[in-house]
Amino acid sequence: MEDTFPDIGSMNDEQLKELIDKLTEEEHEISYRRRILHGKIDILRAELVNRLRQAREDGESLIKGDDVKRLSEILAGKGEAPTKPPS
């Protein structure tokens, strides 16, 4: 898609309809891609929850010492908050 919006005042009706159709198709493609990504995220989150649940049932600690230290540093203003979730 172009970075700037076209001069719609200079377009005839057919050109406007074509642009509407083009942008509508682009929106449908983006919406489809978004739904696919949301589905993948949901699957990954469910897997993570299952792994954490299993770790808890096995008696493992869900919070590691490094996690507590890092959080303490952040809360004390000595460290920066992460910009993205940990992997």
Protein backbone atom coordinates (compact mmCIF):
# COMPACT_ATOMS: atom_id res chain seq x y z
CA MET A 1 0.00 0.00 0.00
CA GLU A 2 1.15 3.51 -0.68
CA ASP A 3 2.40 5.63 2.20
CA THR A 4 0.20 8.59 1.32
CA PHE A 5 -3.52 8.70 0.77
CA PRO A 6 -4.45 9.30 -2.88
CA ASP A 7 -6.04 12.50 -4.10
CA ILE A 8 -9.58 11.16 -4.12
CA GLY A 9 -10.96 14.43 -5.47
CA SER A 10 -9.27 13.74 -8.79
CA MET A 11 -10.49 10.14 -9.04
CA ASN A 12 -13.55 9.08 -11.00
CA ASP A 13 -16.20 6.73 -9.60
CA GLU A 14 -14.61 3.63 -11.14
CA GLN A 15 -11.20 4.45 -9.67
CA LEU A 16 -12.78 4.98 -6.25
CA LYS A 17 -14.56 1.61 -6.45
CA GLU A 18 -11.32 -0.11 -7.49
CA LEU A 19 -9.45 1.48 -4.59
CA ILE A 20 -12.19 0.45 -2.16
CA ASP A 21 -12.04 -3.12 -3.50
CA LYS A 22 -8.24 -3.18 -3.25
CA LEU A 23 -8.20 -1.87 0.31
CA THR A 24 -11.04 -4.19 1.34
CA GLU A 25 -9.10 -7.18 0.01
CA GLU A 26 -5.97 -6.01 1.84
CA GLU A 27 -7.97 -5.66 5.06
CA HIS A 28 -9.32 -9.20 4.67
CA GLU A 29 -5.80 -10.56 4.16
CA ILE A 30 -4.51 -8.73 7.23
CA SER A 31 -7.49 -9.88 9.29
CA TYR A 32 -6.91 -13.49 8.23
CA ARG A 33 -3.22 -13.25 9.14
CA ARG A 34 -4.13 -11.73 12.52
CA ARG A 35 -6.53 -14.60 13.27
CA ILE A 36 -3.83 -17.14 12.37
CA LEU A 37 -1.34 -15.39 14.67
CA HIS A 38 -3.87 -15.26 17.52
CA GLY A 39 -4.49 -18.98 17.10
CA LYS A 40 -0.77 -19.74 17.25
CA ILE A 41 -0.37 -17.54 20.33
CA ASP A 42 -3.28 -19.32 22.03
CA ILE A 43 -1.73 -22.72 21.30
CA LEU A 44 1.67 -21.63 22.61
CA ARG A 45 0.17 -20.12 25.77
CA ALA A 46 -1.82 -23.30 26.42
CA GLU A 47 1.35 -25.35 26.06
CA LEU A 48 3.20 -23.07 28.46
CA VAL A 49 0.38 -23.32 31.01
CA ASN A 50 0.42 -27.11 30.72
CA ARG A 51 4.20 -27.20 31.23
CA LEU A 52 3.99 -24.91 34.25
CA ARG A 53 1.14 -26.97 35.69
CA GLN A 54 3.17 -30.15 35.22
CA ALA A 55 6.25 -28.56 36.79
CA ARG A 56 4.18 -27.52 39.79
CA GLU A 57 2.70 -31.01 40.13
CA ASP A 58 6.24 -32.43 39.99
CA GLY A 59 7.20 -30.16 42.89
CA GLU A 60 9.41 -27.81 40.89
CA SER A 61 9.58 -24.15 41.78
CA LEU A 62 7.94 -21.96 39.17
CA ILE A 63 9.95 -18.91 40.24
CA LYS A 64 13.72 -19.15 40.04
CA GLY A 65 16.20 -17.25 42.20
CA ASP A 66 17.28 -15.11 39.25
CA ASP A 67 13.65 -14.09 38.70
CA VAL A 68 13.31 -12.86 42.28
CA LYS A 69 16.64 -11.00 42.13
CA ARG A 70 15.72 -9.32 38.83
CA LEU A 71 12.28 -8.32 40.11
CA SER A 72 13.83 -6.92 43.28
CA GLU A 73 16.21 -4.82 41.19
CA ILE A 74 13.38 -3.51 39.03
CA LEU A 75 11.22 -2.63 42.04
CA ALA A 76 14.17 -0.92 43.72
CA GLY A 77 14.73 1.18 40.59
CA LYS A 78 18.13 -0.41 39.96
CA GLY A 79 17.19 -2.17 36.74
CA GLU A 80 15.08 -1.62 33.69
CA ALA A 81 11.83 -3.46 33.17
CA PRO A 82 11.98 -5.91 30.26
CA THR A 83 10.59 -4.63 26.98
CA LYS A 84 9.24 -8.01 25.95
CA PRO A 85 8.13 -11.15 27.77
CA PRO A 86 10.94 -13.57 28.63
CA SER A 87 11.37 -16.53 26.34
